[in-house]
Amino acid sequence: MPTKKVAITMEKKTLARLDQMVEEQQYPSRSRAIQEAVEEKLVRLDRTRLLRESAKLDPEYEQRLADEGLTGDLDEWPEY
């Protein structure tokens, strides 16, 4: 995957913790650790956005929609 360089600023204490993790070989480099942290954060944000949007749904209405197509005779369904 193509990558681009970015410059970031962080607190000295945070950078020291990051360097310790790299030194302990939890990550191969600062860049890789930061990249994984950003990716993980973006995934979490997407999940919370999905949860917020899902909470807006009316469960009874959604159930009625799901059940609409199931009112026919089950014998009419094709065999798989």
N, C-alpha and C. Protein backbone atom coordinates (compact mmCIF):
# COMPACT_ATOMS: atom_id res chain seq x y z
N MET A 1 0.85 -1.17 0.00
CA MET A 1 0.00 0.00 0.00
C MET A 1 0.89 1.24 0.00
N PRO A 2 0.60 2.22 -0.85
CA PRO A 2 1.41 3.44 -0.88
C PRO A 2 1.30 4.21 0.43
N THR A 3 2.38 4.80 0.83
CA THR A 3 2.39 5.58 2.07
C THR A 3 2.88 6.99 1.79
N LYS A 4 2.59 7.88 2.71
CA LYS A 4 3.06 9.26 2.65
C LYS A 4 3.63 9.63 4.00
N LYS A 5 4.61 10.49 3.99
CA LYS A 5 5.19 10.97 5.24
C LYS A 5 4.37 12.12 5.80
N VAL A 6 4.24 12.13 7.13
CA VAL A 6 3.60 13.24 7.82
C VAL A 6 4.44 13.58 9.04
N ALA A 7 4.35 14.81 9.45
CA ALA A 7 5.04 15.23 10.67
C ALA A 7 3.99 15.42 11.76
N ILE A 8 4.30 14.94 12.95
CA ILE A 8 3.38 15.10 14.06
C ILE A 8 4.13 15.67 15.26
N THR A 9 3.37 16.25 16.16
CA THR A 9 3.92 16.77 17.40
C THR A 9 3.23 16.05 18.54
N MET A 10 4.02 15.60 19.52
CA MET A 10 3.43 14.94 20.67
C MET A 10 4.21 15.30 21.93
N GLU A 11 3.57 15.08 23.05
CA GLU A 11 4.21 15.38 24.32
C GLU A 11 5.43 14.49 24.52
N LYS A 12 6.43 15.03 25.23
CA LYS A 12 7.66 14.27 25.48
C LYS A 12 7.38 12.96 26.21
N LYS A 13 6.45 13.00 27.15
CA LYS A 13 6.12 11.81 27.93
C LYS A 13 5.54 10.72 27.02
N THR A 14 4.69 11.11 26.10
CA THR A 14 4.09 10.15 25.16
C THR A 14 5.16 9.57 24.24
N LEU A 15 6.04 10.42 23.77
CA LEU A 15 7.11 9.97 22.89
C LEU A 15 8.04 9.01 23.63
N ALA A 16 8.32 9.29 24.89
CA ALA A 16 9.17 8.40 25.69
C ALA A 16 8.53 7.02 25.83
N ARG A 17 7.23 6.99 26.06
CA ARG A 17 6.52 5.69 26.16
C ARG A 17 6.57 4.96 24.83
N LEU A 18 6.39 5.69 23.75
CA LEU A 18 6.45 5.10 22.41
C LEU A 18 7.84 4.53 22.15
N ASP A 19 8.85 5.29 22.47
CA ASP A 19 10.23 4.81 22.27
C ASP A 19 10.50 3.56 23.11
N GLN A 20 9.96 3.51 24.31
CA GLN A 20 10.13 2.33 25.17
C GLN A 20 9.50 1.10 24.50
N MET A 21 8.34 1.27 23.92
CA MET A 21 7.68 0.15 23.25
C MET A 21 8.49 -0.33 22.06
N VAL A 22 9.10 0.60 21.33
CA VAL A 22 9.94 0.23 20.19
C VAL A 22 11.20 -0.47 20.69
N GLU A 23 11.77 0.05 21.76
CA GLU A 23 12.97 -0.57 22.35
C GLU A 23 12.68 -1.99 22.82
N GLU A 24 11.48 -2.21 23.37
CA GLU A 24 11.09 -3.54 23.84
C GLU A 24 10.60 -4.43 22.69
N GLN A 25 10.71 -3.91 21.47
CA GLN A 25 10.35 -4.62 20.24
C GLN A 25 8.87 -4.98 20.16
N GLN A 26 8.03 -4.18 20.81
CA GLN A 26 6.59 -4.35 20.63
C GLN A 26 6.19 -3.84 19.25
N TYR A 27 6.97 -2.89 18.72
CA TYR A 27 6.79 -2.36 17.38
C TYR A 27 8.16 -2.24 16.74
N PRO A 28 8.23 -2.39 15.42
CA PRO A 28 9.55 -2.29 14.76
C PRO A 28 10.05 -0.85 14.66
N SER A 29 9.13 0.11 14.74
CA SER A 29 9.54 1.51 14.61
C SER A 29 8.47 2.43 15.17
N ARG A 30 8.84 3.67 15.38
CA ARG A 30 7.86 4.68 15.81
C ARG A 30 6.75 4.79 14.76
N SER A 31 7.16 4.83 13.50
CA SER A 31 6.19 5.00 12.42
C SER A 31 5.14 3.90 12.44
N ARG A 32 5.61 2.67 12.59
CA ARG A 32 4.66 1.54 12.57
C ARG A 32 3.71 1.60 13.78
N ALA A 33 4.23 1.96 14.92
CA ALA A 33 3.39 2.07 16.12
C ALA A 33 2.32 3.14 15.94
N ILE A 34 2.71 4.29 15.42
CA ILE A 34 1.76 5.38 15.22
C ILE A 34 0.74 5.01 14.14
N GLN A 35 1.21 4.38 13.08
CA GLN A 35 0.31 3.97 12.01
C GLN A 35 -0.76 3.01 12.54
N GLU A 36 -0.36 2.02 13.32
CA GLU A 36 -1.32 1.06 13.87
C GLU A 36 -2.28 1.74 14.84
N ALA A 37 -1.78 2.69 15.62
CA ALA A 37 -2.64 3.39 16.58
C ALA A 37 -3.71 4.21 15.84
N VAL A 38 -3.32 4.88 14.78
CA VAL A 38 -4.27 5.69 14.02
C VAL A 38 -5.30 4.79 13.35
N GLU A 39 -4.86 3.68 12.75
CA GLU A 39 -5.78 2.76 12.10
C GLU A 39 -6.78 2.19 13.10
N GLU A 40 -6.29 1.81 14.28
CA GLU A 40 -7.17 1.27 15.32
C GLU A 40 -8.20 2.31 15.76
N LYS A 41 -7.76 3.54 15.91
CA LYS A 41 -8.68 4.61 16.32
C LYS A 41 -9.75 4.84 15.25
N LEU A 42 -9.38 4.82 14.00
CA LEU A 42 -10.35 5.02 12.93
C LEU A 42 -11.39 3.90 12.90
N VAL A 43 -10.95 2.67 13.14
CA VAL A 43 -11.89 1.54 13.19
C VAL A 43 -12.87 1.73 14.35
N ARG A 44 -12.36 2.14 15.50
CA ARG A 44 -13.24 2.37 16.66
C ARG A 44 -14.24 3.49 16.39
N LEU A 45 -13.80 4.55 15.73
CA LEU A 45 -14.71 5.64 15.40
C LEU A 45 -15.81 5.17 14.45
N ASP A 46 -15.44 4.34 13.48
CA ASP A 46 -16.45 3.79 12.57
C ASP A 46 -17.46 2.95 13.32
N ARG A 47 -16.99 2.15 14.27
CA ARG A 47 -17.90 1.30 15.05
C ARG A 47 -18.87 2.14 15.88
N THR A 48 -18.36 3.17 16.52
CA THR A 48 -19.24 3.99 17.35
C THR A 48 -20.23 4.76 16.48
N ARG A 49 -19.82 5.14 15.29
CA ARG A 49 -20.74 5.81 14.37
C ARG A 49 -21.85 4.85 13.98
N LEU A 50 -21.50 3.60 13.70
CA LEU A 50 -22.51 2.59 13.36
C LEU A 50 -23.45 2.36 14.53
N LEU A 51 -22.92 2.30 15.74
CA LEU A 51 -23.77 2.12 16.92
C LEU A 51 -24.72 3.28 17.10
N ARG A 52 -24.22 4.50 16.91
CA ARG A 52 -25.09 5.69 17.04
C ARG A 52 -26.21 5.66 16.00
N GLU A 53 -25.87 5.32 14.77
CA GLU A 53 -26.88 5.27 13.72
C GLU A 53 -27.87 4.14 13.96
N SER A 54 -27.38 3.00 14.42
CA SER A 54 -28.26 1.86 14.70
C SER A 54 -29.23 2.18 15.83
N ALA A 55 -28.79 2.96 16.79
CA ALA A 55 -29.64 3.33 17.92
C ALA A 55 -30.83 4.18 17.48
N LYS A 56 -30.73 4.81 16.33
CA LYS A 56 -31.82 5.63 15.81
C LYS A 56 -32.94 4.80 15.21
N LEU A 57 -32.66 3.53 14.93
CA LEU A 57 -33.66 2.67 14.29
C LEU A 57 -34.76 2.27 15.26
N ASP A 58 -35.96 2.11 14.74
CA ASP A 58 -37.09 1.63 15.52
C ASP A 58 -37.14 0.11 15.38
N PRO A 59 -36.83 -0.65 16.43
CA PRO A 59 -36.76 -2.11 16.32
C PRO A 59 -38.06 -2.75 15.83
N GLU A 60 -39.19 -2.23 16.27
CA GLU A 60 -40.47 -2.82 15.84
C GLU A 60 -40.69 -2.61 14.35
N TYR A 61 -40.40 -1.41 13.87
CA TYR A 61 -40.55 -1.12 12.44
C TYR A 61 -39.60 -1.99 11.61
N GLU A 62 -38.37 -2.10 12.06
CA GLU A 62 -37.39 -2.91 11.34
C GLU A 62 -37.81 -4.37 11.31
N GLN A 63 -38.37 -4.87 12.40
CA GLN A 63 -38.83 -6.26 12.45
C GLN A 63 -39.98 -6.48 11.47
N ARG A 64 -40.91 -5.51 11.42
CA ARG A 64 -42.02 -5.62 10.46
C ARG A 64 -41.51 -5.68 9.03
N LEU A 65 -40.52 -4.84 8.72
CA LEU A 65 -39.93 -4.86 7.39
C LEU A 65 -39.29 -6.21 7.09
N ALA A 66 -38.59 -6.75 8.06
CA ALA A 66 -37.91 -8.04 7.87
C ALA A 66 -38.92 -9.16 7.69
N ASP A 67 -40.05 -9.07 8.38
CA ASP A 67 -41.06 -10.13 8.32
C ASP A 67 -41.95 -10.04 7.09
N GLU A 68 -41.96 -8.91 6.39
CA GLU A 68 -42.86 -8.71 5.25
C GLU A 68 -42.76 -9.83 4.22
N GLY A 69 -41.56 -10.19 3.86
CA GLY A 69 -41.38 -11.19 2.81
C GLY A 69 -41.57 -12.61 3.29
N LEU A 70 -41.80 -12.82 4.57
CA LEU A 70 -41.91 -14.18 5.11
C LEU A 70 -43.35 -14.64 5.29
N THR A 71 -44.31 -13.86 4.81
CA THR A 71 -45.71 -14.23 5.03
C THR A 71 -46.18 -15.32 4.09
N GLY A 72 -45.47 -15.55 2.99
CA GLY A 72 -45.86 -16.59 2.04
C GLY A 72 -45.63 -17.98 2.60
N ASP A 73 -46.14 -18.96 1.89
CA ASP A 73 -45.99 -20.35 2.30
C ASP A 73 -44.54 -20.78 2.15
N LEU A 74 -44.01 -21.39 3.17
CA LEU A 74 -42.61 -21.82 3.13
C LEU A 74 -42.37 -22.90 2.10
N ASP A 75 -43.43 -23.61 1.67
CA ASP A 75 -43.27 -24.64 0.64
C ASP A 75 -42.91 -24.04 -0.71
N GLU A 76 -43.16 -22.75 -0.88
CA GLU A 76 -42.87 -22.09 -2.14
C GLU A 76 -41.39 -21.73 -2.27
N TRP A 77 -40.67 -21.82 -1.19
CA TRP A 77 -39.25 -21.48 -1.24
C TRP A 77 -38.48 -22.56 -1.97
N PRO A 78 -37.53 -22.18 -2.80
CA PRO A 78 -36.74 -23.19 -3.54
C PRO A 78 -35.82 -23.96 -2.59
N GLU A 79 -35.55 -25.20 -2.95
CA GLU A 79 -34.59 -26.01 -2.18
C GLU A 79 -33.18 -25.65 -2.62
N TYR A 80 -32.29 -25.69 -1.69
CA TYR A 80 -30.88 -25.38 -2.00
C TYR A 80 -30.04 -26.60 -1.80
